[in-house]
Amino acid sequence: MPPDDPHHAALRLEYDGTPYHGWTRQPDGLRTVEGDLLEAFATLGCSDVHLRCAGRTDAGVHASAQVVDARYRGSVPPVALARALTGNLPYEVAVPESVVAPVGFDARADATSRAYEYRLLTRAPRSPLRARCTFHHPRRLDRDVLDAAAAAVLGQHRFTAFTPSRTAHTYFDRRVLESRWEERGDELVYAVRGTSFLRHMVRILVGTMLATARGEASVPEFAAMLAGAPRSAAFATAPPQGLCLVDVTWEPIEGVPTPPGWRGERTPDSRDAHPFPSVG
């Protein structure tokens, strides 16, 4: 096979975001997930590489179900990319699966929802073994307040209070499809799914819900922040290590408009037609 054959692959990624300055390659040479992935493609002799991920994660944020569509030229076919790339990536990143992408597939534009989890370690002693993937928060929290705040997040709101004031975003309305707190042993996990998210949105929601559950605000005050309040109305941003991208979907969701530019012929309404039938 000639080394410049064009390919379009879909990749499933897992990564520990601790050493990374986010997903997006930085011009100043800071280490990013995209940057490491591009270096691995170069090591394989691939050229003209273009990557597009389903959800751009921030610095220190993890992913167990990131999906990337990769257009490239080279001698490595899509089905062989998972093993080839993983062998040339640092230990913090792995590509468990790679397939030929559906015709016209766009991991970001075609995604109909993304799901994240934020993990709190609530026991008194900290855990060195979980320090990279949980936020240690042993302070007492009112669980009823947490549940009420999570319920208030459901639906469509204007999340200006839950993203940095200085931002490239121009549209701040987002639709949240799932929002709940779950107890998992000595961890308390915030599970949230939405059509899309603003920068830092989940972490500011978590930080503000925690402050509310500590008695620093009321549930009605929290709910009022969802109506387009300024960033100053919300509380501190929760640290990044507790957050992980855990699922992506591409099929239409009943009652929810499809993303702008989404085309049914790209990803037919069948899980069998998607690159990874069970991502999360």
C-alpha atoms as a PDB file:
ATOM      1  CA  MET A   1       0.000   0.000   0.000  1.00  0.00           C
ATOM      2  CA  PRO A   2       1.504   3.384  -0.945  1.00  0.00           C
ATOM      3  CA  PRO A   3       2.506   5.436   2.113  1.00  0.00           C
ATOM      4  CA  ASP A   4       0.372   8.406   1.035  1.00  0.00           C
ATOM      5  CA  ASP A   5      -2.966   6.586   0.805  1.00  0.00           C
ATOM      6  CA  PRO A   6      -5.748   8.756   2.355  1.00  0.00           C
ATOM      7  CA  HIS A   7      -7.678   7.350   5.318  1.00  0.00           C
ATOM      8  CA  HIS A   8     -10.466   8.421   7.653  1.00  0.00           C
ATOM      9  CA  ALA A   9     -10.461   6.607  10.997  1.00  0.00           C
ATOM     10  CA  ALA A  10     -12.502   6.800  14.174  1.00  0.00           C
ATOM     11  CA  LEU A  11     -10.463   6.333  17.351  1.00  0.00           C
ATOM     12  CA  ARG A  12     -11.590   5.631  20.907  1.00  0.00           C
ATOM     13  CA  LEU A  13      -9.216   7.208  23.445  1.00  0.00           C
ATOM     14  CA  GLU A  14      -8.631   6.856  27.149  1.00  0.00           C
ATOM     15  CA  TYR A  15      -6.300   9.228  28.952  1.00  0.00           C
ATOM     16  CA  ASP A  16      -5.158  10.456  32.322  1.00  0.00           C
ATOM     17  CA  GLY A  17      -5.312  14.222  31.919  1.00  0.00           C
ATOM     18  CA  THR A  18      -3.018  15.002  34.871  1.00  0.00           C
ATOM     19  CA  PRO A  19       0.106  15.963  32.875  1.00  0.00           C
ATOM     20  CA  TYR A  20      -1.782  17.629  30.035  1.00  0.00           C
ATOM     21  CA  HIS A  21      -2.705  21.236  29.339  1.00  0.00           C
ATOM     22  CA  GLY A  22      -5.992  20.117  27.804  1.00  0.00           C
ATOM     23  CA  TRP A  23      -6.852  18.424  24.534  1.00  0.00           C
ATOM     24  CA  THR A  24      -5.977  21.148  22.013  1.00  0.00           C
ATOM     25  CA  ARG A  25      -2.444  21.453  20.664  1.00  0.00           C
ATOM     26  CA  GLN A  26      -0.786  24.627  21.973  1.00  0.00           C
ATOM     27  CA  PRO A  27       1.485  26.895  19.919  1.00  0.00           C
ATOM     28  CA  ASP A  28       3.861  27.381  22.859  1.00  0.00           C
ATOM     29  CA  GLY A  29       4.733  23.693  23.021  1.00  0.00           C
ATOM     30  CA  LEU A  30       2.833  22.883  26.216  1.00  0.00           C
ATOM     31  CA  ARG A  31       1.987  19.196  26.440  1.00  0.00           C
ATOM     32  CA  THR A  32      -1.524  18.335  25.215  1.00  0.00           C
ATOM     33  CA  VAL A  33      -3.371  15.144  24.278  1.00  0.00           C
ATOM     34  CA  GLU A  34      -3.735  16.247  20.656  1.00  0.00           C
ATOM     35  CA  GLY A  35      -0.042  17.122  20.518  1.00  0.00           C
ATOM     36  CA  ASP A  36       1.033  13.676  21.768  1.00  0.00           C
ATOM     37  CA  LEU A  37      -1.357  11.990  19.335  1.00  0.00           C
ATOM     38  CA  LEU A  38       0.015  13.994  16.405  1.00  0.00           C
ATOM     39  CA  GLU A  39       3.560  13.035  17.398  1.00  0.00           C
ATOM     40  CA  ALA A  40       2.549   9.368  17.419  1.00  0.00           C
ATOM     41  CA  PHE A  41       1.077   9.699  13.924  1.00  0.00           C
ATOM     42  CA  ALA A  42       4.330  11.311  12.761  1.00  0.00           C
ATOM     43  CA  THR A  43       6.357   8.459  14.241  1.00  0.00           C
ATOM     44  CA  LEU A  44       4.262   6.060  12.142  1.00  0.00           C
ATOM     45  CA  GLY A  45       5.193   8.015   9.017  1.00  0.00           C
ATOM     46  CA  CYS A  46       1.709   9.487   8.562  1.00  0.00           C
ATOM     47  CA  SER A  47       1.245  12.922   7.022  1.00  0.00           C
ATOM     48  CA  ASP A  48      -1.513  15.479   6.441  1.00  0.00           C
ATOM     49  CA  VAL A  49      -3.055  14.489   9.798  1.00  0.00           C
ATOM     50  CA  HIS A  50      -6.232  16.264  10.888  1.00  0.00           C
ATOM     51  CA  LEU A  51      -7.884  15.372  14.216  1.00  0.00           C
ATOM     52  CA  ARG A  52     -11.309  16.312  15.566  1.00  0.00           C
ATOM     53  CA  CYS A  53     -12.496  15.128  18.977  1.00  0.00           C
ATOM     54  CA  ALA A  54     -16.015  14.737  20.356  1.00  0.00           C
ATOM     55  CA  GLY A  55     -15.306  16.861  23.445  1.00  0.00           C
ATOM     56  CA  ARG A  56     -12.332  19.153  24.063  1.00  0.00           C
ATOM     57  CA  THR A  57     -11.239  18.482  27.647  1.00  0.00           C
ATOM     58  CA  ASP A  58      -9.525  21.127  29.780  1.00  0.00           C
ATOM     59  CA  ALA A  59      -6.164  20.902  31.524  1.00  0.00           C
ATOM     60  CA  GLY A  60      -6.075  18.051  34.046  1.00  0.00           C
ATOM     61  CA  VAL A  61      -9.403  16.522  32.928  1.00  0.00           C
ATOM     62  CA  HIS A  62      -9.558  12.822  32.050  1.00  0.00           C
ATOM     63  CA  ALA A  63     -11.432  10.758  29.452  1.00  0.00           C
ATOM     64  CA  SER A  64     -12.501   7.133  29.399  1.00  0.00           C
ATOM     65  CA  ALA A  65     -14.543   7.506  26.213  1.00  0.00           C
ATOM     66  CA  GLN A  66     -13.074  10.253  24.056  1.00  0.00           C
ATOM     67  CA  VAL A  67     -13.742   9.755  20.335  1.00  0.00           C
ATOM     68  CA  VAL A  68     -11.596  11.279  17.617  1.00  0.00           C
ATOM     69  CA  ASP A  69     -11.972  11.171  13.884  1.00  0.00           C
ATOM     70  CA  ALA A  70      -8.613  11.259  12.154  1.00  0.00           C
ATOM     71  CA  ARG A  71      -7.982  12.068   8.511  1.00  0.00           C
ATOM     72  CA  TYR A  72      -4.459  11.204   7.442  1.00  0.00           C
ATOM     73  CA  ARG A  73      -2.214   9.793   4.753  1.00  0.00           C
ATOM     74  CA  GLY A  74      -0.012   6.800   5.440  1.00  0.00           C
ATOM     75  CA  SER A  75       0.536   3.086   5.201  1.00  0.00           C
ATOM     76  CA  VAL A  76      -1.214   2.155   8.456  1.00  0.00           C
ATOM     77  CA  PRO A  77      -4.907   1.330   7.838  1.00  0.00           C
ATOM     78  CA  PRO A  78      -7.548   2.475  10.354  1.00  0.00           C
ATOM     79  CA  VAL A  79      -8.105  -1.001  11.807  1.00  0.00           C
ATOM     80  CA  ALA A  80      -4.411  -1.227  12.728  1.00  0.00           C
ATOM     81  CA  LEU A  81      -4.132   2.264  14.193  1.00  0.00           C
ATOM     82  CA  ALA A  82      -5.151   1.388  17.769  1.00  0.00           C
ATOM     83  CA  ARG A  83      -2.190  -0.912  18.385  1.00  0.00           C
ATOM     84  CA  ALA A  84       0.243   1.159  16.314  1.00  0.00           C
ATOM     85  CA  LEU A  85      -0.584   4.466  17.991  1.00  0.00           C
ATOM     86  CA  THR A  86      -0.738   3.068  21.527  1.00  0.00           C
ATOM     87  CA  GLY A  87       2.747   1.614  21.068  1.00  0.00           C
ATOM     88  CA  ASN A  88       4.036   5.109  20.313  1.00  0.00           C
ATOM     89  CA  LEU A  89       2.086   7.081  22.911  1.00  0.00           C
ATOM     90  CA  PRO A  90       3.107   7.876  26.514  1.00  0.00           C
ATOM     91  CA  TYR A  91       1.549   5.683  29.198  1.00  0.00           C
ATOM     92  CA  GLU A  92      -1.070   8.312  30.075  1.00  0.00           C
ATOM     93  CA  VAL A  93      -2.851   7.784  26.723  1.00  0.00           C
ATOM     94  CA  ALA A  94      -4.180   4.666  25.006  1.00  0.00           C
ATOM     95  CA  VAL A  95      -6.229   3.953  21.888  1.00  0.00           C
ATOM     96  CA  PRO A  96      -8.222   0.791  22.759  1.00  0.00           C
ATOM     97  CA  GLU A  97     -10.078   0.705  19.460  1.00  0.00           C
ATOM     98  CA  SER A  98      -9.898   2.078  15.907  1.00  0.00           C
ATOM     99  CA  VAL A  99     -12.172   1.531  12.920  1.00  0.00           C
ATOM    100  CA  VAL A 100     -12.859   2.975   9.485  1.00  0.00           C
ATOM    101  CA  ALA A 101     -15.016   6.048  10.098  1.00  0.00           C
ATOM    102  CA  PRO A 102     -18.518   6.154   8.612  1.00  0.00           C
ATOM    103  CA  VAL A 103     -18.669   8.237   5.434  1.00  0.00           C
ATOM    104  CA  GLY A 104     -18.632  11.938   6.322  1.00  0.00           C
ATOM    105  CA  PHE A 105     -18.322  11.243  10.056  1.00  0.00           C
ATOM    106  CA  ASP A 106     -17.450  14.252  12.229  1.00  0.00           C
ATOM    107  CA  ALA A 107     -16.863  13.308  15.875  1.00  0.00           C
ATOM    108  CA  ARG A 108     -17.719  16.780  17.160  1.00  0.00           C
ATOM    109  CA  ALA A 109     -20.443  18.024  14.806  1.00  0.00           C
ATOM    110  CA  ASP A 110     -22.336  14.729  14.762  1.00  0.00           C
ATOM    111  CA  ALA A 111     -22.292  14.119  18.529  1.00  0.00           C
ATOM    112  CA  THR A 112     -25.761  14.493  20.029  1.00  0.00           C
ATOM    113  CA  SER A 113     -24.691  14.249  23.681  1.00  0.00           C
ATOM    114  CA  ARG A 114     -21.654  14.049  25.948  1.00  0.00           C
ATOM    115  CA  ALA A 115     -21.608  12.671  29.472  1.00  0.00           C
ATOM    116  CA  TYR A 116     -19.207  13.532  32.290  1.00  0.00           C
ATOM    117  CA  GLU A 117     -18.675  12.311  35.819  1.00  0.00           C
ATOM    118  CA  TYR A 118     -17.142  14.286  38.670  1.00  0.00           C
ATOM    119  CA  ARG A 119     -15.846  12.136  41.548  1.00  0.00           C
ATOM    120  CA  LEU A 120     -15.594  13.313  45.151  1.00  0.00           C
ATOM    121  CA  LEU A 121     -13.759  11.287  47.778  1.00  0.00           C
ATOM    122  CA  THR A 122     -15.805  11.977  50.915  1.00  0.00           C
ATOM    123  CA  ARG A 123     -13.982   9.922  53.570  1.00  0.00           C
ATOM    124  CA  ALA A 124     -11.789  11.743  56.095  1.00  0.00           C
ATOM    125  CA  PRO A 125      -8.416  10.195  55.148  1.00  0.00           C
ATOM    126  CA  ARG A 126      -7.152  11.152  51.725  1.00  0.00           C
ATOM    127  CA  SER A 127      -6.259   8.450  49.206  1.00  0.00           C
ATOM    128  CA  PRO A 128      -2.877   8.764  47.473  1.00  0.00           C
ATOM    129  CA  LEU A 129      -3.924   6.082  44.988  1.00  0.00           C
ATOM    130  CA  ARG A 130      -6.994   8.060  43.923  1.00  0.00           C
ATOM    131  CA  ALA A 131      -5.529  11.555  44.152  1.00  0.00           C
ATOM    132  CA  ARG A 132      -5.216  11.874  40.360  1.00  0.00           C
ATOM    133  CA  CYS A 133      -8.871  11.038  39.671  1.00  0.00           C
ATOM    134  CA  THR A 134     -10.892  12.330  42.645  1.00  0.00           C
ATOM    135  CA  PHE A 135     -11.344  15.575  44.556  1.00  0.00           C
ATOM    136  CA  HIS A 136     -10.911  14.950  48.278  1.00  0.00           C
ATOM    137  CA  HIS A 137     -13.825  16.677  50.030  1.00  0.00           C
ATOM    138  CA  PRO A 138     -14.348  15.309  53.574  1.00  0.00           C
ATOM    139  CA  ARG A 139     -16.494  18.256  54.717  1.00  0.00           C
ATOM    140  CA  ARG A 140     -20.135  17.559  55.540  1.00  0.00           C
ATOM    141  CA  LEU A 141     -22.577  18.043  52.674  1.00  0.00           C
ATOM    142  CA  ASP A 142     -26.367  18.179  52.799  1.00  0.00           C
ATOM    143  CA  ARG A 143     -27.327  15.408  50.374  1.00  0.00           C
ATOM    144  CA  ASP A 144     -30.898  16.645  49.987  1.00  0.00           C
ATOM    145  CA  VAL A 145     -29.562  20.029  48.906  1.00  0.00           C
ATOM    146  CA  LEU A 146     -27.182  18.409  46.426  1.00  0.00           C
ATOM    147  CA  ASP A 147     -30.031  16.405  44.909  1.00  0.00           C
ATOM    148  CA  ALA A 148     -32.259  19.474  44.651  1.00  0.00           C
ATOM    149  CA  ALA A 149     -29.504  21.499  43.005  1.00  0.00           C
ATOM    150  CA  ALA A 150     -28.779  18.718  40.513  1.00  0.00           C
ATOM    151  CA  ALA A 151     -32.473  18.524  39.633  1.00  0.00           C
ATOM    152  CA  ALA A 152     -32.538  22.285  39.016  1.00  0.00           C
ATOM    153  CA  VAL A 153     -29.802  21.899  36.377  1.00  0.00           C
ATOM    154  CA  LEU A 154     -31.990  19.663  34.193  1.00  0.00           C
ATOM    155  CA  GLY A 155     -33.382  21.266  31.044  1.00  0.00           C
ATOM    156  CA  GLN A 156     -32.253  24.279  29.061  1.00  0.00           C
ATOM    157  CA  HIS A 157     -30.673  27.219  30.859  1.00  0.00           C
ATOM    158  CA  ARG A 158     -28.373  30.154  30.241  1.00  0.00           C
ATOM    159  CA  PHE A 159     -25.105  29.123  31.904  1.00  0.00           C
ATOM    160  CA  THR A 160     -23.237  32.459  31.902  1.00  0.00           C
ATOM    161  CA  ALA A 161     -22.563  32.036  35.649  1.00  0.00           C
ATOM    162  CA  PHE A 162     -20.885  28.697  34.974  1.00  0.00           C
ATOM    163  CA  THR A 163     -18.171  29.602  32.481  1.00  0.00           C
ATOM    164  CA  PRO A 164     -15.274  32.095  32.696  1.00  0.00           C
ATOM    165  CA  SER A 165     -16.187  35.737  32.069  1.00  0.00           C
ATOM    166  CA  ARG A 166     -13.478  35.971  29.433  1.00  0.00           C
ATOM    167  CA  THR A 167     -14.561  33.460  26.832  1.00  0.00           C
ATOM    168  CA  ALA A 168     -14.813  32.829  23.112  1.00  0.00           C
ATOM    169  CA  HIS A 169     -18.383  31.578  23.571  1.00  0.00           C
ATOM    170  CA  THR A 170     -21.122  33.803  22.174  1.00  0.00           C
ATOM    171  CA  TYR A 171     -24.092  31.523  22.903  1.00  0.00           C
ATOM    172  CA  PHE A 172     -24.553  30.394  26.497  1.00  0.00           C
ATOM    173  CA  ASP A 173     -27.763  28.359  26.417  1.00  0.00           C
ATOM    174  CA  ARG A 174     -27.194  24.641  26.938  1.00  0.00           C
ATOM    175  CA  ARG A 175     -29.542  21.685  27.363  1.00  0.00           C
ATOM    176  CA  VAL A 176     -28.829  19.232  30.197  1.00  0.00           C
ATOM    177  CA  LEU A 177     -30.411  15.802  29.768  1.00  0.00           C
ATOM    178  CA  GLU A 178     -29.236  14.046  32.947  1.00  0.00           C
ATOM    179  CA  SER A 179     -28.042  15.537  36.240  1.00  0.00           C
ATOM    180  CA  ARG A 180     -27.746  13.569  39.463  1.00  0.00           C
ATOM    181  CA  TRP A 181     -25.510  12.719  42.417  1.00  0.00           C
ATOM    182  CA  GLU A 182     -24.743   9.051  43.122  1.00  0.00           C
ATOM    183  CA  GLU A 183     -23.100   7.375  46.115  1.00  0.00           C
ATOM    184  CA  ARG A 184     -20.464   4.810  45.155  1.00  0.00           C
ATOM    185  CA  GLY A 185     -18.864   3.511  48.318  1.00  0.00           C
ATOM    186  CA  ASP A 186     -16.835   6.344  49.850  1.00  0.00           C
ATOM    187  CA  GLU A 187     -17.191   8.435  46.705  1.00  0.00           C
ATOM    188  CA  LEU A 188     -19.947  10.845  45.727  1.00  0.00           C
ATOM    189  CA  VAL A 189     -20.230  11.170  41.944  1.00  0.00           C
ATOM    190  CA  TYR A 190     -21.957  13.874  39.927  1.00  0.00           C
ATOM    191  CA  ALA A 191     -23.202  12.376  36.643  1.00  0.00           C
ATOM    192  CA  VAL A 192     -24.266  14.851  33.966  1.00  0.00           C
ATOM    193  CA  ARG A 193     -25.168  14.527  30.293  1.00  0.00           C
ATOM    194  CA  GLY A 194     -25.852  17.392  27.921  1.00  0.00           C
ATOM    195  CA  THR A 195     -25.954  18.174  24.240  1.00  0.00           C
ATOM    196  CA  SER A 196     -22.814  20.284  24.695  1.00  0.00           C
ATOM    197  CA  PHE A 197     -20.960  22.116  27.447  1.00  0.00           C
ATOM    198  CA  LEU A 198     -19.294  25.470  27.986  1.00  0.00           C
ATOM    199  CA  ARG A 199     -15.687  25.700  29.102  1.00  0.00           C
ATOM    200  CA  HIS A 200     -15.387  24.823  32.831  1.00  0.00           C
ATOM    201  CA  MET A 201     -19.182  24.467  33.006  1.00  0.00           C
ATOM    202  CA  VAL A 202     -19.306  21.135  34.859  1.00  0.00           C
ATOM    203  CA  ARG A 203     -16.561  22.101  37.293  1.00  0.00           C
ATOM    204  CA  ILE A 204     -18.205  25.427  38.191  1.00  0.00           C
ATOM    205  CA  LEU A 205     -21.552  23.673  38.602  1.00  0.00           C
ATOM    206  CA  VAL A 206     -19.915  21.188  40.966  1.00  0.00           C
ATOM    207  CA  GLY A 207     -18.096  23.879  42.932  1.00  0.00           C
ATOM    208  CA  THR A 208     -21.294  25.891  43.304  1.00  0.00           C
ATOM    209  CA  MET A 209     -23.421  22.865  44.257  1.00  0.00           C
ATOM    210  CA  LEU A 210     -20.870  21.933  46.920  1.00  0.00           C
ATOM    211  CA  ALA A 211     -20.947  25.459  48.328  1.00  0.00           C
ATOM    212  CA  THR A 212     -24.747  25.330  48.375  1.00  0.00           C
ATOM    213  CA  ALA A 213     -24.708  21.943  50.145  1.00  0.00           C
ATOM    214  CA  ARG A 214     -22.352  23.437  52.751  1.00  0.00           C
ATOM    215  CA  GLY A 215     -24.920  26.155  53.491  1.00  0.00           C
ATOM    216  CA  GLU A 216     -23.198  29.021  51.675  1.00  0.00           C
ATOM    217  CA  ALA A 217     -26.193  29.553  49.367  1.00  0.00           C
ATOM    218  CA  SER A 218     -29.767  28.326  49.146  1.00  0.00           C
ATOM    219  CA  VAL A 219     -31.240  26.077  46.461  1.00  0.00           C
ATOM    220  CA  PRO A 220     -33.446  28.946  45.142  1.00  0.00           C
ATOM    221  CA  GLU A 221     -30.325  31.127  44.923  1.00  0.00           C
ATOM    222  CA  PHE A 222     -28.548  28.364  43.028  1.00  0.00           C
ATOM    223  CA  ALA A 223     -31.493  27.945  40.649  1.00  0.00           C
ATOM    224  CA  ALA A 224     -31.551  31.693  39.997  1.00  0.00           C
ATOM    225  CA  MET A 225     -27.946  31.509  38.773  1.00  0.00           C
ATOM    226  CA  LEU A 226     -29.152  29.298  35.889  1.00  0.00           C
ATOM    227  CA  ALA A 227     -31.118  32.175  34.363  1.00  0.00           C
ATOM    228  CA  GLY A 228     -28.128  34.042  32.939  1.00  0.00           C
ATOM    229  CA  ALA A 229     -26.486  35.393  36.093  1.00  0.00           C
ATOM    230  CA  PRO A 230     -22.894  36.673  35.770  1.00  0.00           C
ATOM    231  CA  ARG A 231     -19.908  34.504  36.647  1.00  0.00           C
ATOM    232  CA  SER A 232     -19.500  36.406  39.910  1.00  0.00           C
ATOM    233  CA  ALA A 233     -22.810  34.969  41.160  1.00  0.00           C
ATOM    234  CA  ALA A 234     -21.477  31.398  41.212  1.00  0.00           C
ATOM    235  CA  PHE A 235     -18.776  29.915  43.457  1.00  0.00           C
ATOM    236  CA  ALA A 236     -15.269  28.550  42.956  1.00  0.00           C
ATOM    237  CA  THR A 237     -14.428  26.163  40.131  1.00  0.00           C
ATOM    238  CA  ALA A 238     -13.912  22.605  41.359  1.00  0.00           C
ATOM    239  CA  PRO A 239     -10.402  21.268  40.589  1.00  0.00           C
ATOM    240  CA  PRO A 240      -9.949  19.348  37.333  1.00  0.00           C
ATOM    241  CA  GLN A 241      -8.777  15.949  38.563  1.00  0.00           C
ATOM    242  CA  GLY A 242     -12.263  14.793  39.560  1.00  0.00           C
ATOM    243  CA  LEU A 243     -13.725  15.236  36.066  1.00  0.00           C
ATOM    244  CA  CYS A 244     -13.856  12.589  33.334  1.00  0.00           C
ATOM    245  CA  LEU A 245     -15.553  12.382  29.922  1.00  0.00           C
ATOM    246  CA  VAL A 246     -17.346   9.012  30.093  1.00  0.00           C
ATOM    247  CA  ASP A 247     -19.686   8.747  27.100  1.00  0.00           C
ATOM    248  CA  VAL A 248     -20.589  10.200  23.696  1.00  0.00           C
ATOM    249  CA  THR A 249     -23.662   9.523  21.574  1.00  0.00           C
ATOM    250  CA  TRP A 250     -24.431  10.272  17.919  1.00  0.00           C
ATOM    251  CA  GLU A 251     -28.005   9.071  17.447  1.00  0.00           C
ATOM    252  CA  PRO A 252     -30.883  11.586  17.531  1.00  0.00           C
ATOM    253  CA  ILE A 253     -32.437  12.154  20.959  1.00  0.00           C
ATOM    254  CA  GLU A 254     -36.225  12.320  21.099  1.00  0.00           C
ATOM    255  CA  GLY A 255     -37.445  15.864  21.666  1.00  0.00           C
ATOM    256  CA  VAL A 256     -33.982  17.414  21.260  1.00  0.00           C
ATOM    257  CA  PRO A 257     -32.951  19.255  18.072  1.00  0.00           C
ATOM    258  CA  THR A 258     -29.993  17.681  16.304  1.00  0.00           C
ATOM    259  CA  PRO A 259     -26.744  19.693  16.280  1.00  0.00           C
ATOM    260  CA  PRO A 260     -26.325  22.363  13.581  1.00  0.00           C
ATOM    261  CA  GLY A 261     -24.888  20.707  10.495  1.00  0.00           C
ATOM    262  CA  TRP A 262     -25.812  17.195  11.652  1.00  0.00           C
ATOM    263  CA  ARG A 263     -26.910  15.002   8.764  1.00  0.00           C
ATOM    264  CA  GLY A 264     -28.793  11.748   9.208  1.00  0.00           C
ATOM    265  CA  GLU A 265     -26.959  10.081   6.358  1.00  0.00           C
ATOM    266  CA  ARG A 266     -23.669  10.468   8.232  1.00  0.00           C
ATOM    267  CA  THR A 267     -24.806   8.417  11.197  1.00  0.00           C
ATOM    268  CA  PRO A 268     -28.033   6.526  10.472  1.00  0.00           C
ATOM    269  CA  ASP A 269     -30.382   6.010  13.389  1.00  0.00           C
ATOM    270  CA  SER A 270     -28.870   2.655  14.278  1.00  0.00           C
ATOM    271  CA  ARG A 271     -26.213   1.933  16.899  1.00  0.00           C
ATOM    272  CA  ASP A 272     -24.757  -0.646  14.493  1.00  0.00           C
ATOM    273  CA  ALA A 273     -23.886   2.202  12.108  1.00  0.00           C
ATOM    274  CA  HIS A 274     -21.904   4.161  14.699  1.00  0.00           C
ATOM    275  CA  PRO A 275     -18.152   3.803  14.967  1.00  0.00           C
ATOM    276  CA  PHE A 276     -18.334   2.511  18.556  1.00  0.00           C
ATOM    277  CA  PRO A 277     -21.749   1.055  19.513  1.00  0.00           C
ATOM    278  CA  SER A 278     -20.972   1.318  23.228  1.00  0.00           C
ATOM    279  CA  VAL A 279     -18.525   4.112  23.996  1.00  0.00           C
ATOM    280  CA  GLY A 280     -19.090   4.736  27.678  1.00  0.00           C
END
